C-alpha atoms as a PDB file:
ATOM      1  CA  UNK A   1      -0.023   0.022  -0.043  1.00  0.00           C
ATOM      2  CA  UNK A   2       1.374   3.661  -0.530  1.00  0.00           C
ATOM      3  CA  UNK A   3      -0.534   6.751   0.380  1.00  0.00           C
ATOM      4  CA  UNK A   4      -0.010  10.243  -1.534  1.00  0.00           C
ATOM      5  CA  UNK A   5      -0.524  13.700  -0.522  1.00  0.00           C
ATOM      6  CA  UNK A   6      -2.025  14.957  -4.134  1.00  0.00           C
ATOM      7  CA  UNK A   7      -2.099  18.436  -2.835  1.00  0.00           C
ATOM      8  CA  UNK A   8       2.054  18.792  -1.915  1.00  0.00           C
ATOM      9  CA  UNK A   9       2.898  16.721  -5.161  1.00  0.00           C
ATOM     10  CA  UNK A  10       5.303  18.833  -7.157  1.00  0.00           C
ATOM     11  CA  UNK A  11       3.761  19.227 -10.727  1.00  0.00           C
ATOM     12  CA  UNK A  12       5.617  19.838 -14.331  1.00  0.00           C
ATOM     13  CA  UNK A  13       3.759  21.861 -17.322  1.00  0.00           C
ATOM     14  CA  UNK A  14       1.659  19.983 -19.838  1.00  0.00           C
ATOM     15  CA  UNK A  15       4.654  19.211 -21.930  1.00  0.00           C
ATOM     16  CA  UNK A  16       6.522  17.399 -18.961  1.00  0.00           C
ATOM     17  CA  UNK A  17       3.494  15.312 -18.131  1.00  0.00           C
ATOM     18  CA  UNK A  18       5.260  12.609 -18.202  1.00  0.00           C
ATOM     19  CA  UNK A  19       7.217  13.502 -15.400  1.00  0.00           C
ATOM     20  CA  UNK A  20       4.078  13.967 -13.063  1.00  0.00           C
ATOM     21  CA  UNK A  21       3.299  10.077 -13.463  1.00  0.00           C
ATOM     22  CA  UNK A  22       3.391   9.101  -9.764  1.00  0.00           C
ATOM     23  CA  UNK A  23       2.154   5.656  -9.919  1.00  0.00           C
ATOM     24  CA  UNK A  24       2.204   3.145 -12.538  1.00  0.00           C
ATOM     25  CA  UNK A  25       1.105  -0.577 -13.069  1.00  0.00           C
ATOM     26  CA  UNK A  26       0.401  -2.506 -16.231  1.00  0.00           C
ATOM     27  CA  UNK A  27      -3.487  -1.872 -16.145  1.00  0.00           C
ATOM     28  CA  UNK A  28      -3.041   1.834 -15.204  1.00  0.00           C
ATOM     29  CA  UNK A  29      -1.066   5.126 -14.446  1.00  0.00           C
ATOM     30  CA  UNK A  30      -1.792   7.864 -12.661  1.00  0.00           C
ATOM     31  CA  UNK A  31      -0.658  11.682 -12.780  1.00  0.00           C
ATOM     32  CA  UNK A  32      -1.239  14.855 -11.550  1.00  0.00           C
ATOM     33  CA  UNK A  33      -2.389  17.548 -14.211  1.00  0.00           C
ATOM     34  CA  UNK A  34      -1.712  21.085 -13.305  1.00  0.00           C
ATOM     35  CA  UNK A  35      -2.890  23.948 -15.391  1.00  0.00           C
ATOM     36  CA  UNK A  36      -2.227  27.780 -14.436  1.00  0.00           C
ATOM     37  CA  UNK A  37      -4.299  30.436 -15.135  1.00  0.00           C
ATOM     38  CA  UNK A  38      -5.737  30.356 -18.626  1.00  0.00           C
ATOM     39  CA  UNK A  39      -3.653  27.416 -19.063  1.00  0.00           C
ATOM     40  CA  UNK A  40      -5.840  24.426 -21.477  1.00  0.00           C
ATOM     41  CA  UNK A  41      -4.948  20.919 -23.098  1.00  0.00           C
ATOM     42  CA  UNK A  42      -5.809  20.899 -27.032  1.00  0.00           C
ATOM     43  CA  UNK A  43      -8.064  18.210 -28.217  1.00  0.00           C
ATOM     44  CA  UNK A  44      -6.215  14.563 -27.629  1.00  0.00           C
ATOM     45  CA  UNK A  45      -7.594  11.160 -28.647  1.00  0.00           C
ATOM     46  CA  UNK A  46      -7.301   8.984 -25.433  1.00  0.00           C
ATOM     47  CA  UNK A  47      -7.205   5.250 -26.661  1.00  0.00           C
ATOM     48  CA  UNK A  48      -8.103   4.237 -22.609  1.00  0.00           C
ATOM     49  CA  UNK A  49     -10.383   4.953 -19.883  1.00  0.00           C
ATOM     50  CA  UNK A  50      -9.828   7.856 -17.798  1.00  0.00           C
ATOM     51  CA  UNK A  51     -10.849   8.945 -14.800  1.00  0.00           C
ATOM     52  CA  UNK A  52     -10.290  12.622 -13.669  1.00  0.00           C
ATOM     53  CA  UNK A  53     -10.650  14.006  -9.777  1.00  0.00           C
ATOM     54  CA  UNK A  54     -10.419  17.868  -9.411  1.00  0.00           C
ATOM     55  CA  UNK A  55      -8.154  18.560  -6.386  1.00  0.00           C
ATOM     56  CA  UNK A  56      -8.307  22.164  -6.435  1.00  0.00           C
ATOM     57  CA  UNK A  57      -9.895  24.723  -8.664  1.00  0.00           C
ATOM     58  CA  UNK A  58     -12.221  24.567 -11.618  1.00  0.00           C
ATOM     59  CA  UNK A  59     -12.006  23.373 -15.279  1.00  0.00           C
ATOM     60  CA  UNK A  60     -13.992  23.353 -18.356  1.00  0.00           C
ATOM     61  CA  UNK A  61     -13.733  19.678 -19.854  1.00  0.00           C
ATOM     62  CA  UNK A  62     -14.810  18.904 -23.135  1.00  0.00           C
ATOM     63  CA  UNK A  63     -15.159  14.713 -24.279  1.00  0.00           C
ATOM     64  CA  UNK A  64     -16.343  14.175 -27.566  1.00  0.00           C
ATOM     65  CA  UNK A  65     -18.641  16.830 -27.985  1.00  0.00           C
ATOM     66  CA  UNK A  66     -20.458  17.369 -24.257  1.00  0.00           C
ATOM     67  CA  UNK A  67     -18.977  19.970 -22.528  1.00  0.00           C
ATOM     68  CA  UNK A  68     -19.004  20.231 -18.421  1.00  0.00           C
ATOM     69  CA  UNK A  69     -17.541  22.171 -16.058  1.00  0.00           C
ATOM     70  CA  UNK A  70     -15.913  20.748 -13.106  1.00  0.00           C
ATOM     71  CA  UNK A  71     -14.774  22.036 -10.006  1.00  0.00           C
ATOM     72  CA  UNK A  72     -12.828  21.035  -6.547  1.00  0.00           C
ATOM     73  CA  UNK A  73     -14.193  17.337  -5.301  1.00  0.00           C
ATOM     74  CA  UNK A  74     -15.999  16.135  -8.482  1.00  0.00           C
ATOM     75  CA  UNK A  75     -14.928  13.117 -10.916  1.00  0.00           C
ATOM     76  CA  UNK A  76     -15.765  12.460 -14.355  1.00  0.00           C
ATOM     77  CA  UNK A  77     -14.991   8.692 -16.035  1.00  0.00           C
ATOM     78  CA  UNK A  78     -15.071   8.886 -19.700  1.00  0.00           C
ATOM     79  CA  UNK A  79     -14.638   5.720 -22.274  1.00  0.00           C
ATOM     80  CA  UNK A  80     -12.268   6.268 -24.607  1.00  0.00           C
ATOM     81  CA  UNK A  81     -12.736   9.595 -26.150  1.00  0.00           C
ATOM     82  CA  UNK A  82     -11.309  12.734 -27.487  1.00  0.00           C
ATOM     83  CA  UNK A  83     -10.796  15.103 -24.408  1.00  0.00           C
ATOM     84  CA  UNK A  84      -9.728  19.062 -23.758  1.00  0.00           C
ATOM     85  CA  UNK A  85      -9.586  21.065 -20.756  1.00  0.00           C
ATOM     86  CA  UNK A  86      -9.087  24.535 -20.281  1.00  0.00           C
ATOM     87  CA  UNK A  87      -9.317  27.034 -16.990  1.00  0.00           C
ATOM     88  CA  UNK A  88      -9.645  30.523 -16.299  1.00  0.00           C
ATOM     89  CA  UNK A  89      -7.999  30.315 -12.898  1.00  0.00           C
ATOM     90  CA  UNK A  90      -5.963  27.163 -12.527  1.00  0.00           C
ATOM     91  CA  UNK A  91      -6.774  23.713 -11.595  1.00  0.00           C
ATOM     92  CA  UNK A  92      -4.940  20.937 -10.420  1.00  0.00           C
ATOM     93  CA  UNK A  93      -6.471  17.069 -11.211  1.00  0.00           C
ATOM     94  CA  UNK A  94      -5.510  13.490 -10.442  1.00  0.00           C
ATOM     95  CA  UNK A  95      -5.735  11.603 -13.607  1.00  0.00           C
ATOM     96  CA  UNK A  96      -5.816   8.115 -14.089  1.00  0.00           C
ATOM     97  CA  UNK A  97      -5.607   6.174 -17.302  1.00  0.00           C
ATOM     98  CA  UNK A  98      -7.026   2.730 -17.425  1.00  0.00           C
ATOM     99  CA  UNK A  99      -5.761   0.600 -20.277  1.00  0.00           C
ATOM    100  CA  UNK A 100      -8.092  -1.229 -22.336  1.00  0.00           C
ATOM    101  CA  UNK A 101      -7.864  -4.931 -22.130  1.00  0.00           C
END
């Protein structure tokens, strides 16, 4: 068993996102995603299931053609899809990528 302090973890900009993976197993990997005020992640095709949990802040998320606003304490689970995000005030997210079997 391992315990992680998600609010205290150091995170790197989106371009260095592989450094933000803090746990990896054959079936899934978990990372911290932090976007600064005005930050965004352009549309990307995810071939796996994804779980996003908002640790701090608020973010606009687009899954395929569906838009939603997520705030601290909320979680979304998606099937493989095209995803994008943007935030006005900044956001800190835990993302779990679950590999398809």
